[in-house]
Protein backbone atom coordinates (compact mmCIF):
# COMPACT_ATOMS: atom_id res chain seq x y z
CA MET A 1 4.83 -86.84 24.76
CA GLU A 2 1.60 -85.62 22.91
CA ASN A 3 -0.61 -87.91 24.61
CA ILE A 4 0.27 -86.63 28.10
CA ALA A 5 0.04 -82.84 27.15
CA LEU A 6 -3.78 -84.31 25.69
CA ALA A 7 -4.73 -85.66 29.02
CA LYS A 8 -3.10 -82.52 31.03
CA LYS A 9 -5.43 -80.23 28.65
CA ASP A 10 -8.05 -83.04 29.78
CA LEU A 11 -8.05 -82.09 33.37
CA PHE A 12 -8.25 -78.35 32.70
CA LYS A 13 -11.39 -76.74 33.01
CA ASN A 14 -13.33 -73.25 33.97
CA GLY A 15 -10.23 -71.34 34.11
CA PHE A 16 -7.95 -74.15 36.79
CA LEU A 17 -7.39 -77.53 36.94
CA ASP A 18 -10.57 -79.71 38.22
CA ILE A 19 -8.96 -81.65 39.74
CA GLU A 20 -9.35 -83.37 43.47
CA VAL A 21 -6.82 -82.88 45.42
CA ASP A 22 -6.00 -86.34 48.09
CA PRO A 23 -6.66 -84.74 51.46
CA THR A 24 -4.19 -86.59 53.09
CA LEU A 25 -1.45 -84.53 51.74
CA ASP A 26 0.62 -82.17 53.28
CA LEU A 27 0.20 -79.69 50.50
CA VAL A 28 2.98 -77.15 52.25
CA GLU A 29 5.71 -80.22 52.61
CA GLU A 30 4.70 -80.97 48.60
CA ILE A 31 4.87 -77.66 47.26
CA GLU A 32 8.06 -77.39 49.11
CA LYS A 33 9.34 -80.51 46.76
CA LEU A 34 7.86 -79.38 43.66
CA LYS A 35 9.54 -76.19 44.29
CA LYS A 36 12.77 -77.49 44.50
CA GLU A 37 12.17 -80.41 41.56
CA LYS A 38 10.81 -77.45 39.06
CA ASN A 39 13.01 -74.69 39.49
CA ALA A 40 10.15 -72.94 40.91
CA ILE A 41 9.34 -69.77 42.66
CA ILE A 42 6.42 -68.26 44.27
CA LEU A 43 5.06 -64.60 44.14
CA ALA A 44 2.32 -63.72 46.43
CA HIS A 45 0.15 -60.67 46.76
CA TYR A 46 -0.11 -59.44 50.13
CA TYR A 47 -4.14 -59.60 49.22
CA GLN A 48 -4.08 -63.71 49.29
CA GLU A 49 -4.97 -65.74 51.34
CA SER A 50 -2.85 -66.26 54.22
CA GLU A 51 -1.44 -70.11 53.90
CA ILE A 52 -0.79 -68.85 50.59
CA GLN A 53 1.35 -65.85 51.89
CA ASP A 54 3.51 -67.96 54.08
CA ILE A 55 4.45 -70.25 51.69
CA ALA A 56 5.65 -67.73 49.28
CA ASP A 57 8.77 -67.16 48.28
CA TYR A 58 8.28 -63.25 47.96
CA ILE A 59 5.13 -61.74 49.18
CA GLY A 60 4.78 -57.67 48.04
CA ASP A 61 2.74 -54.57 46.24
CA SER A 62 2.66 -54.99 42.21
CA LEU A 63 5.72 -52.90 42.19
CA GLY A 64 7.74 -55.23 44.44
CA LEU A 65 6.35 -58.25 42.55
CA SER A 66 7.18 -56.90 39.06
CA GLN A 67 11.07 -56.05 40.50
CA GLN A 68 10.96 -60.08 41.08
CA ALA A 69 9.85 -61.24 38.13
CA ALA A 70 12.48 -59.13 35.83
CA GLN A 71 14.99 -60.52 38.58
CA THR A 72 14.25 -64.10 39.15
CA GLU A 73 16.44 -66.77 38.41
CA ALA A 74 13.73 -69.62 38.50
CA ASP A 75 12.98 -71.66 35.52
CA VAL A 76 9.29 -71.32 36.23
CA ILE A 77 7.20 -68.67 38.49
CA VAL A 78 3.95 -69.31 39.91
CA PHE A 79 1.73 -66.06 40.34
CA ALA A 80 -0.33 -65.87 43.42
CA GLY A 81 -2.02 -62.91 42.09
CA VAL A 82 -4.65 -61.79 39.48
CA HIS A 83 -4.06 -61.99 35.43
CA PHE A 84 -2.81 -58.93 34.65
CA MET A 85 -0.17 -59.41 37.36
CA ALA A 86 0.65 -62.59 36.24
CA GLU A 87 0.94 -61.60 32.37
CA THR A 88 3.34 -58.62 33.55
CA ALA A 89 5.49 -61.32 34.99
CA LYS A 90 5.69 -62.81 31.87
CA MET A 91 6.44 -59.55 29.87
CA LEU A 92 9.07 -59.43 32.25
CA SER A 93 10.68 -62.85 31.61
CA PRO A 94 9.61 -64.01 28.51
CA ASP A 95 11.28 -66.95 28.39
CA LYS A 96 10.25 -68.42 31.66
CA LYS A 97 6.96 -70.41 32.32
CA VAL A 98 4.26 -68.35 34.14
CA LEU A 99 2.36 -70.15 35.95
CA LEU A 100 -1.84 -68.79 37.74
CA PRO A 101 -3.62 -70.99 39.43
CA ASP A 102 -6.93 -69.59 38.55
CA LEU A 103 -7.24 -68.38 34.88
CA LYS A 104 -10.45 -66.18 36.53
CA ALA A 105 -8.72 -64.32 38.80
CA GLY A 106 -9.17 -61.28 36.77
CA CYS A 107 -9.27 -57.45 37.92
CA SER A 108 -12.40 -55.06 37.52
CA LEU A 109 -10.50 -52.26 36.98
CA ALA A 110 -8.21 -53.60 34.06
CA ASP A 111 -11.63 -55.03 32.89
CA SER A 112 -12.89 -51.46 33.07
CA CYS A 113 -10.27 -50.18 30.48
CA PRO A 114 -10.77 -52.90 27.18
CA PRO A 115 -8.44 -51.32 25.50
CA ALA A 116 -10.18 -51.15 21.77
CA ILE A 117 -11.68 -48.34 23.87
CA PHE A 118 -8.72 -46.99 25.16
CA SER A 119 -7.67 -46.22 21.62
CA LYS A 120 -9.97 -44.56 20.34
CA PHE A 121 -10.41 -42.47 23.65
CA LYS A 122 -6.24 -41.56 23.01
CA GLU A 123 -6.68 -40.79 19.90
CA LYS A 124 -8.43 -37.47 21.08
CA TYR A 125 -4.87 -36.67 23.15
CA PRO A 126 -2.45 -37.29 20.37
CA ASP A 127 -0.04 -35.48 22.48
CA HIS A 128 -0.29 -36.67 25.73
CA VAL A 129 1.73 -38.72 27.83
CA VAL A 130 -0.63 -42.14 28.62
CA VAL A 131 0.52 -43.32 32.37
CA SER A 132 -1.66 -46.49 32.66
CA TYR A 133 -2.04 -47.97 36.23
CA ILE A 134 -0.60 -51.47 36.52
CA ASN A 135 -3.91 -52.66 37.21
CA CYS A 136 -4.57 -53.54 33.21
CA THR A 137 -4.34 -55.49 30.51
CA ALA A 138 -1.00 -56.82 28.37
CA GLU A 139 -2.62 -55.29 25.91
CA MET A 140 -2.88 -51.52 27.11
CA LYS A 141 -0.07 -51.52 28.19
CA THR A 142 0.87 -51.72 24.77
CA LEU A 143 -1.17 -48.26 24.70
CA THR A 144 0.52 -47.07 27.52
CA ASP A 145 4.02 -44.66 27.47
CA ILE A 146 4.98 -45.19 31.04
CA CYS A 147 3.50 -48.05 33.54
CA CYS A 148 3.28 -46.77 37.04
CA THR A 149 2.00 -48.64 40.73
CA SER A 150 0.92 -46.80 43.93
CA THR A 151 4.13 -46.99 45.57
CA ASN A 152 5.68 -45.40 42.54
CA ALA A 153 3.41 -43.07 40.53
CA LEU A 154 4.28 -39.80 42.44
CA HIS A 155 8.08 -40.28 41.18
CA VAL A 156 6.09 -41.07 37.49
CA ILE A 157 4.16 -38.09 37.21
CA ASN A 158 7.26 -36.09 38.51
CA SER A 159 9.41 -36.99 36.14
CA ILE A 160 7.29 -35.93 32.79
CA PRO A 161 8.02 -32.42 31.60
CA LYS A 162 5.47 -30.24 33.40
CA ASP A 163 4.58 -28.80 29.27
CA LYS A 164 3.07 -32.34 28.61
CA GLY A 165 -0.64 -33.24 29.17
CA ILE A 166 -1.05 -36.40 30.13
CA ILE A 167 -3.65 -39.31 30.25
CA PHE A 168 -4.23 -41.38 33.40
CA ALA A 169 -5.38 -44.39 33.28
CA PRO A 170 -7.97 -46.85 34.21
CA ASP A 171 -8.16 -45.59 38.13
CA ARG A 172 -9.77 -42.42 37.99
CA ASN A 173 -9.60 -42.16 42.02
CA LEU A 174 -5.71 -43.08 42.04
CA GLY A 175 -6.00 -40.43 39.26
CA GLN A 176 -7.50 -37.56 41.22
CA TYR A 177 -5.22 -38.09 44.30
CA LEU A 178 -2.66 -37.97 42.29
CA ILE A 179 -4.19 -34.64 40.44
CA LYS A 180 -4.08 -32.85 44.09
CA LYS A 181 -0.60 -33.97 45.00
CA THR A 182 1.38 -33.12 41.88
CA GLY A 183 -1.17 -29.95 40.62
CA ARG A 184 -1.08 -31.49 37.50
CA ASP A 185 -3.98 -31.18 35.14
CA MET A 186 -4.55 -35.16 33.71
CA VAL A 187 -7.53 -36.88 31.53
CA LEU A 188 -8.47 -39.32 33.63
CA TRP A 189 -9.88 -42.65 32.42
CA ASN A 190 -13.17 -43.46 34.46
CA GLY A 191 -12.31 -46.63 35.88
CA SER A 192 -12.47 -47.80 39.14
CA CYS A 193 -11.98 -51.06 41.64
CA MET A 194 -15.13 -52.48 43.19
CA VAL A 195 -12.90 -53.74 46.40
CA HIS A 196 -11.63 -49.54 47.21
CA GLU A 197 -15.01 -48.12 45.99
CA ILE A 198 -17.81 -49.99 48.09
CA PHE A 199 -16.28 -48.61 51.98
CA SER A 200 -19.03 -47.55 54.12
CA HIS A 201 -18.50 -44.51 55.50
CA GLU A 202 -20.98 -44.40 57.95
CA LYS A 203 -19.65 -47.73 59.18
CA ILE A 204 -15.73 -46.13 59.19
CA ALA A 205 -17.22 -43.29 61.10
CA LYS A 206 -19.12 -45.54 63.84
CA LEU A 207 -15.79 -47.78 64.09
CA LYS A 208 -13.62 -44.32 64.81
CA ILE A 209 -15.97 -43.66 67.80
CA LYS A 210 -15.73 -47.20 69.14
CA HIS A 211 -12.04 -46.87 68.41
CA PRO A 212 -11.00 -42.96 69.09
CA ASP A 213 -7.51 -43.39 69.25
CA ALA A 214 -7.29 -45.57 65.90
CA LYS A 215 -5.55 -44.31 62.82
CA PHE A 216 -7.54 -44.71 59.78
CA ILE A 217 -4.89 -45.36 56.71
CA ALA A 218 -6.55 -45.72 53.24
CA HIS A 219 -4.95 -47.05 49.73
CA PRO A 220 -5.07 -44.09 47.69
CA GLU A 221 -7.65 -46.57 44.95
CA CYS A 222 -10.63 -45.26 47.63
CA GLU A 223 -12.93 -42.73 47.05
CA PRO A 224 -11.58 -39.32 47.20
CA LYS A 225 -14.30 -38.24 50.21
CA LEU A 226 -12.30 -41.09 52.27
CA LEU A 227 -9.04 -40.34 51.74
CA GLU A 228 -10.17 -37.08 53.22
CA LYS A 229 -10.63 -38.68 56.34
CA ALA A 230 -7.69 -40.77 56.24
CA ASP A 231 -4.48 -40.30 58.48
CA TYR A 232 -2.24 -41.70 55.85
CA ILE A 233 -2.45 -42.39 52.44
CA GLY A 234 -0.22 -44.62 50.66
CA SER A 235 0.46 -48.33 48.80
CA THR A 236 -0.07 -51.47 49.94
CA SER A 237 4.10 -51.63 51.26
CA GLY A 238 2.77 -48.20 52.24
CA LEU A 239 0.76 -48.68 55.01
CA LEU A 240 2.88 -51.89 56.02
CA ARG A 241 5.42 -49.59 57.00
CA TYR A 242 2.86 -46.80 58.62
CA THR A 243 1.73 -49.70 60.71
CA LYS A 244 5.28 -50.71 61.90
CA GLU A 245 6.97 -47.45 63.18
CA ASN A 246 3.96 -45.49 64.24
CA GLU A 247 3.35 -45.49 68.08
CA ALA A 248 -0.33 -46.22 67.74
CA THR A 249 -1.43 -49.38 68.57
CA GLU A 250 -5.03 -49.67 66.76
CA PHE A 251 -5.31 -49.22 62.60
CA ILE A 252 -8.54 -48.96 60.93
CA VAL A 253 -7.40 -50.70 57.73
CA ALA A 254 -9.17 -49.34 53.83
CA THR A 255 -7.41 -51.36 51.92
CA GLU A 256 -7.98 -55.88 50.73
CA PRO A 257 -7.67 -56.97 54.47
CA GLY A 258 -5.08 -59.76 52.82
CA ILE A 259 -2.91 -56.96 54.32
CA ILE A 260 -3.48 -57.47 57.51
CA HIS A 261 -2.07 -60.90 57.94
CA GLN A 262 1.27 -59.62 57.47
CA MET A 263 0.48 -56.19 59.75
CA GLU A 264 -0.66 -59.00 62.57
CA LYS A 265 3.01 -61.18 61.66
CA GLN A 266 5.27 -57.45 62.09
CA THR A 267 3.37 -55.97 64.86
CA PRO A 268 1.44 -58.92 66.77
CA ASP A 269 0.97 -56.34 69.72
CA LYS A 270 -1.19 -53.65 67.52
CA LEU A 271 -5.00 -54.09 66.67
CA PHE A 272 -5.56 -53.98 63.27
CA ILE A 273 -9.86 -53.41 62.09
CA PRO A 274 -10.62 -54.04 58.19
CA ALA A 275 -12.97 -51.05 57.67
CA PRO A 276 -16.04 -52.75 56.41
CA PRO A 277 -17.65 -52.48 52.77
CA ASN A 278 -21.97 -51.22 52.66
CA ASN A 279 -22.84 -54.47 52.66
CA GLN A 280 -23.25 -57.70 54.90
CA CYS A 281 -19.76 -58.57 55.18
CA ALA A 282 -17.60 -57.70 57.88
CA CYS A 283 -14.34 -56.65 55.67
CA ASN A 284 -14.55 -56.33 51.89
CA GLU A 285 -12.53 -59.26 50.25
CA CYS A 286 -11.05 -59.19 46.47
CA PRO A 287 -13.75 -62.15 44.87
CA HIS A 288 -10.97 -62.53 42.29
CA MET A 289 -7.38 -62.55 44.89
CA ARG A 290 -9.83 -65.31 46.31
CA LEU A 291 -9.88 -67.64 43.95
CA ASN A 292 -6.79 -68.36 44.29
CA THR A 293 -6.55 -72.11 46.63
CA LEU A 294 -3.61 -73.65 47.76
CA GLU A 295 -5.23 -77.02 46.14
CA LYS A 296 -4.91 -74.67 43.16
CA LEU A 297 -1.41 -74.16 43.97
CA TYR A 298 -0.53 -76.92 44.58
CA LEU A 299 -2.06 -78.89 41.19
CA THR A 300 -0.96 -75.91 39.41
CA MET A 301 2.77 -76.92 40.51
CA LYS A 302 1.86 -80.52 39.62
CA TYR A 303 0.89 -80.50 36.23
CA GLU A 304 2.22 -76.47 35.00
CA LEU A 305 -1.14 -75.84 34.04
CA PRO A 306 -2.60 -73.01 33.78
CA GLU A 307 0.37 -71.21 31.51
CA ILE A 308 0.14 -67.60 30.47
CA THR A 309 0.81 -67.08 27.09
CA LEU A 310 1.01 -63.93 25.65
CA PRO A 311 1.39 -63.20 21.37
CA GLU A 312 4.99 -61.47 20.60
CA TRP A 313 3.87 -58.29 19.28
CA VAL A 314 1.95 -57.23 22.52
CA ILE A 315 5.73 -57.83 24.61
CA LYS A 316 7.36 -56.49 22.33
CA GLU A 317 5.43 -53.48 22.48
CA GLY A 318 4.36 -53.60 25.95
CA ILE A 319 7.32 -53.73 27.54
CA ALA A 320 8.76 -50.30 27.24
CA SER A 321 6.39 -49.12 29.36
CA ILE A 322 7.17 -51.51 32.09
CA ASP A 323 10.91 -51.24 32.16
CA ARG A 324 10.49 -46.79 31.73
CA MET A 325 8.40 -47.50 35.47
CA LEU A 326 11.08 -49.44 37.27
CA GLU A 327 13.80 -47.32 35.93
CA ILE A 328 12.02 -44.18 37.65
CA SER A 329 11.71 -46.48 40.45
CA ALA A 330 15.56 -47.58 40.61
CA LYS A 331 16.17 -43.95 40.46
CA ALA A 332 13.97 -42.68 43.62
CA GLY A 333 15.54 -45.65 45.33
CA LEU A 334 11.98 -47.32 45.67
């Protein structure tokens, strides 16, 4: 067994299993076999490649994925997403094996809030409740009183007594949106998501001229000036639901374009246009999310690497903030 473990470790390079995959393999068929063989479940975020979404057992946003990670009876959780999501799954299911196809699939927002620096920042406001967007590291969650997602953030903020001060981290744009919606005076950490920060106002304005009947919909991680122009602001799942229920037939979508695959599947007769960034690209893909591929997913399941591990103290001290979030969500019927 030790030799097998060492051999597997030798194959692990650059944050993923650096192995050539037989091009004749039907990867979808092989992954389905491995799921049954290992009693594994694949959880995929809406921002993943369409072929990964299509093979996943569950596709969702951060809240839905957290709920699934907490409830699953599978022995192995394969997370097609980014690092903080897999960490959250491990915290919620510490006895299960949690795998991530590429350890370099990080998050610019999580990186913008180093726990050691935030800890010093927190000391300035000793009586404040710390609410952290779930897009943060496991260690950051140990410094947090309540986590939130874009789906339940309003409910989380409203659950806190009005006489209590609040620190909101790490996304300043979501924080500013919540201040506007709730009227609460919150202390904001100065972090942001690279995907939602670089949408081009000029290009979006031109798109709206070209598609005058299109609804402009945006994720609350976008900059406030962009949100002011939106017909609808919502979480990833909220955006998906809006496009399904709204009578409009054209939508300009200001979030990571992976969600458009699900929009097109649910309402194939409608047109979805990814909001362009302020560079030469046609759409604004998250480079971290796109590190996961079907080939890496197959290798991860076959060799059960890379595996997410966390110190016991991080799980013990960080899980309360996630549990509190899930309790608030359940009470709100989310």
